[in-house]
Amino acid sequence: MGTAARLVSALLRAFRPSSRALAPTAPPRSRSTASAPLTPGQGSGESATVEIAPPRRLTLSYAPQRDGAPDGGEIVWTWVPYEERDGRGKDRPVLIIGRADATRSYAVRLTSKPHAGDADYLALGTGEWDPQRRPSWVDIEQLYLVHDAGMRREAATLDRRRFDAVASALRARYGWTQG
C-alpha cells in the first residue's frame, strides 16, 4: 500500500465512528451558556458603579426628591464592587452625598455588619432601606460613583440630622464643603 493510500485509510479511521461511539449514551446535561443578567450598576460600562479615590473638592448636598433619580440624602440600591476589585460585588444600599455631574452621583456604602469603635464607619441606626430593620453603618472611607442608570431603586430618604452627622464626618476627614 502506498503512502497516499495509508494516509487516506488513517483519515477514514480517524473520522469513522467507533463501536463505542455508537453505543447509547445518556443525554448531555443541559448547561446554560448564557450569563446571568447584570444588576444595575454592575459591569464595566458607563452605568457601572465604581469605587473612586476621594476628590479634592466635593460639595455635600442634602436635596432628596422621590423622583427616581439619586439625590443627596437618599439611600439607593446599586451593585457595589468588593474591595478586592476582582469583578465580584453585591447589591447593597448606598447613601448619595452629592452630584458628580449630570448623570452620576457620589455615594458611600452602607453595611449591616457591626463596626463599633471603627473610625472608618459611622453608626446610622435602622431605617426603611433595610427590610429587616437591622442597624446600619456607613463606610466613610470608600467613595463610589453611581450612574443614574446604575441604581436599582430608591430605598429611603435619610433624615437631615443623620445626613448632617455623616456630612460632618466626611468634612472632617476630607475637607469637603456642604452646600
Protein backbone atom coordinates (compact mmCIF):
# COMPACT_ATOMS: atom_id res chain seq x y z
CA MET A 1 0.00 0.00 0.00
CA GLY A 2 1.41 3.38 -0.99
CA THR A 3 1.87 6.39 1.26
CA ALA A 4 -1.19 8.17 -0.13
CA ALA A 5 -3.38 5.11 0.43
CA ARG A 6 -2.13 4.71 4.02
CA LEU A 7 -2.85 8.39 4.67
CA VAL A 8 -6.40 8.12 3.29
CA SER A 9 -7.00 4.94 5.30
CA ALA A 10 -5.77 6.62 8.50
CA LEU A 11 -8.01 9.63 7.89
CA LEU A 12 -11.04 7.42 7.32
CA ARG A 13 -10.37 5.54 10.58
CA ALA A 14 -9.96 8.82 12.43
CA PHE A 15 -13.34 10.12 11.29
CA ARG A 16 -15.29 6.84 11.33
CA PRO A 17 -17.40 6.38 14.46
CA SER A 18 -16.12 3.63 16.71
CA SER A 19 -18.39 0.96 18.14
CA ARG A 20 -18.09 2.74 21.50
CA ALA A 21 -19.27 5.97 19.90
CA LEU A 22 -22.32 4.15 18.50
CA ALA A 23 -23.34 2.81 21.93
CA PRO A 24 -26.28 4.57 23.57
CA THR A 25 -25.24 7.32 25.95
CA ALA A 26 -27.01 9.45 28.48
CA PRO A 27 -28.28 12.70 27.05
CA PRO A 28 -25.96 15.62 27.70
CA ARG A 29 -26.77 17.64 30.79
CA SER A 30 -28.38 20.92 30.00
CA ARG A 31 -25.92 23.66 30.75
CA SER A 32 -26.80 27.26 30.20
CA THR A 33 -24.17 29.20 28.34
CA ALA A 34 -26.00 32.48 28.77
CA SER A 35 -24.63 34.61 31.56
CA ALA A 36 -26.93 35.92 34.25
CA PRO A 37 -28.35 39.37 33.55
CA LEU A 38 -26.37 42.20 35.10
CA THR A 39 -27.75 44.05 38.09
CA PRO A 40 -27.99 47.84 37.60
CA GLY A 41 -24.56 49.30 38.37
CA GLN A 42 -22.74 46.02 37.67
CA GLY A 43 -20.16 45.51 34.97
CA SER A 44 -17.66 47.82 33.38
CA GLY A 45 -19.77 50.08 31.19
CA GLU A 46 -20.69 53.70 31.62
CA SER A 47 -23.52 52.89 34.05
CA ALA A 48 -21.32 50.76 36.34
CA THR A 49 -20.93 51.77 39.97
CA VAL A 50 -17.21 52.23 40.61
CA GLU A 51 -15.05 52.88 43.64
CA ILE A 52 -13.05 56.09 43.26
CA ALA A 53 -10.37 57.99 45.15
CA PRO A 54 -11.87 60.86 47.15
CA PRO A 55 -11.72 64.05 45.06
CA ARG A 56 -10.05 67.15 46.48
CA ARG A 57 -13.27 69.10 46.24
CA LEU A 58 -16.77 67.85 46.73
CA THR A 59 -19.86 69.72 47.83
CA LEU A 60 -22.05 67.55 50.02
CA SER A 61 -25.72 68.19 49.41
CA TYR A 62 -28.98 67.23 51.05
CA ALA A 63 -31.71 67.51 48.43
CA PRO A 64 -33.86 64.35 48.45
CA GLN A 65 -36.67 64.20 45.87
CA ARG A 66 -38.55 60.96 45.29
CA ASP A 67 -38.26 61.29 41.52
CA GLY A 68 -36.39 58.14 40.51
CA ALA A 69 -33.02 59.93 40.25
CA PRO A 70 -30.42 59.68 43.02
CA ASP A 71 -30.29 62.85 45.14
CA GLY A 72 -28.19 63.85 48.13
CA GLY A 73 -29.67 62.37 51.29
CA GLU A 74 -31.28 59.40 49.57
CA ILE A 75 -30.32 55.80 50.11
CA VAL A 76 -30.46 53.86 46.84
CA TRP A 77 -29.61 50.29 45.90
CA THR A 78 -26.86 49.55 43.38
CA TRP A 79 -24.30 46.87 42.67
CA VAL A 80 -21.13 47.68 44.65
CA PRO A 81 -17.78 46.05 43.79
CA TYR A 82 -15.89 44.23 46.55
CA GLU A 83 -12.67 45.78 47.88
CA GLU A 84 -10.64 43.07 46.11
CA ARG A 85 -11.58 44.62 42.73
CA ASP A 86 -11.79 41.19 41.13
CA GLY A 87 -15.10 41.68 39.34
CA ARG A 88 -17.22 40.41 42.22
CA GLY A 89 -19.58 42.54 44.27
CA LYS A 90 -23.09 42.66 45.65
CA ASP A 91 -26.29 44.64 45.50
CA ARG A 92 -26.33 46.96 48.50
CA PRO A 93 -27.64 50.30 49.76
CA VAL A 94 -25.52 53.43 49.34
CA LEU A 95 -26.07 56.95 50.66
CA ILE A 96 -25.95 59.62 47.96
CA ILE A 97 -23.87 62.54 49.27
CA GLY A 98 -23.76 64.83 46.22
CA ARG A 99 -23.74 65.11 42.43
CA ALA A 100 -20.57 64.48 40.41
CA ASP A 101 -22.08 65.61 37.09
CA ALA A 102 -25.34 65.47 35.15
CA THR A 103 -25.55 61.65 35.19
CA ARG A 104 -23.51 60.49 38.20
CA SER A 105 -23.59 60.93 41.98
CA TYR A 106 -21.09 60.43 44.78
CA ALA A 107 -22.07 57.80 47.34
CA VAL A 108 -20.82 55.95 50.42
CA ARG A 109 -21.85 52.36 51.09
CA LEU A 110 -23.93 51.04 53.96
CA THR A 111 -23.44 47.76 55.77
CA SER A 112 -25.33 45.87 58.47
CA LYS A 113 -22.10 44.31 59.75
CA PRO A 114 -21.31 45.89 63.15
CA HIS A 115 -18.33 48.27 63.20
CA ALA A 116 -18.50 49.78 66.69
CA GLY A 117 -15.25 51.58 67.50
CA ASP A 118 -14.02 51.64 63.88
CA ALA A 119 -13.15 55.22 62.80
CA ASP A 120 -13.95 54.41 59.15
CA TYR A 121 -17.61 53.72 59.98
CA LEU A 122 -20.39 55.83 61.42
CA ALA A 123 -23.44 54.23 63.05
CA LEU A 124 -26.69 55.17 61.30
CA GLY A 125 -29.19 53.05 63.21
CA THR A 126 -32.14 51.45 61.45
CA GLY A 127 -34.22 52.65 58.54
CA GLU A 128 -36.53 51.84 55.65
CA TRP A 129 -33.58 50.86 53.43
CA ASP A 130 -33.26 47.55 55.30
CA PRO A 131 -36.46 45.47 55.26
CA GLN A 132 -35.19 43.54 58.30
CA ARG A 133 -34.58 46.80 60.21
CA ARG A 134 -31.03 45.83 61.16
CA PRO A 135 -28.75 48.59 62.49
CA SER A 136 -26.60 50.03 59.71
CA TRP A 137 -23.20 51.67 59.47
CA VAL A 138 -21.93 53.96 56.72
CA ASP A 139 -18.38 53.42 55.44
CA ILE A 140 -16.81 56.90 55.16
CA GLU A 141 -13.51 55.53 53.85
CA GLN A 142 -14.75 54.26 50.46
CA LEU A 143 -16.36 56.52 47.89
CA TYR A 144 -18.32 55.42 44.83
CA LEU A 145 -19.65 56.97 41.64
CA VAL A 146 -23.21 55.82 40.94
CA HIS A 147 -24.64 56.42 37.47
CA ASP A 148 -28.33 57.36 37.38
CA ALA A 149 -28.91 54.24 35.24
CA GLY A 150 -26.84 52.16 37.67
CA MET A 151 -29.18 52.37 40.64
CA ARG A 152 -31.82 49.73 41.10
CA ARG A 153 -34.25 51.71 43.23
CA GLU A 154 -34.64 54.42 45.81
CA ALA A 155 -34.86 52.79 49.21
CA ALA A 156 -35.34 55.67 51.63
CA THR A 157 -34.54 59.23 52.50
CA LEU A 158 -32.11 59.64 55.38
CA ASP A 159 -33.37 62.27 57.80
CA ARG A 160 -31.48 65.58 57.86
CA ARG A 161 -29.99 65.03 61.33
CA ARG A 162 -28.33 61.74 60.36
CA PHE A 163 -27.23 63.09 56.96
CA ASP A 164 -25.60 66.07 58.70
CA ALA A 165 -23.74 63.67 61.04
CA VAL A 166 -22.39 61.76 58.02
CA ALA A 167 -21.55 65.04 56.23
CA SER A 168 -19.71 66.29 59.33
CA ALA A 169 -17.57 63.13 59.45
CA LEU A 170 -16.82 63.43 55.71
CA ARG A 171 -15.95 67.15 56.01
CA ALA A 172 -13.60 66.41 58.90
CA ARG A 173 -11.91 63.58 57.02
CA TYR A 174 -11.63 65.09 53.53
CA GLY A 175 -12.07 68.85 53.96
CA TRP A 176 -15.16 68.92 51.75
CA THR A 177 -17.85 71.58 51.97
CA GLN A 178 -21.57 71.26 52.49
CA GLY A 179 -23.99 73.17 50.27
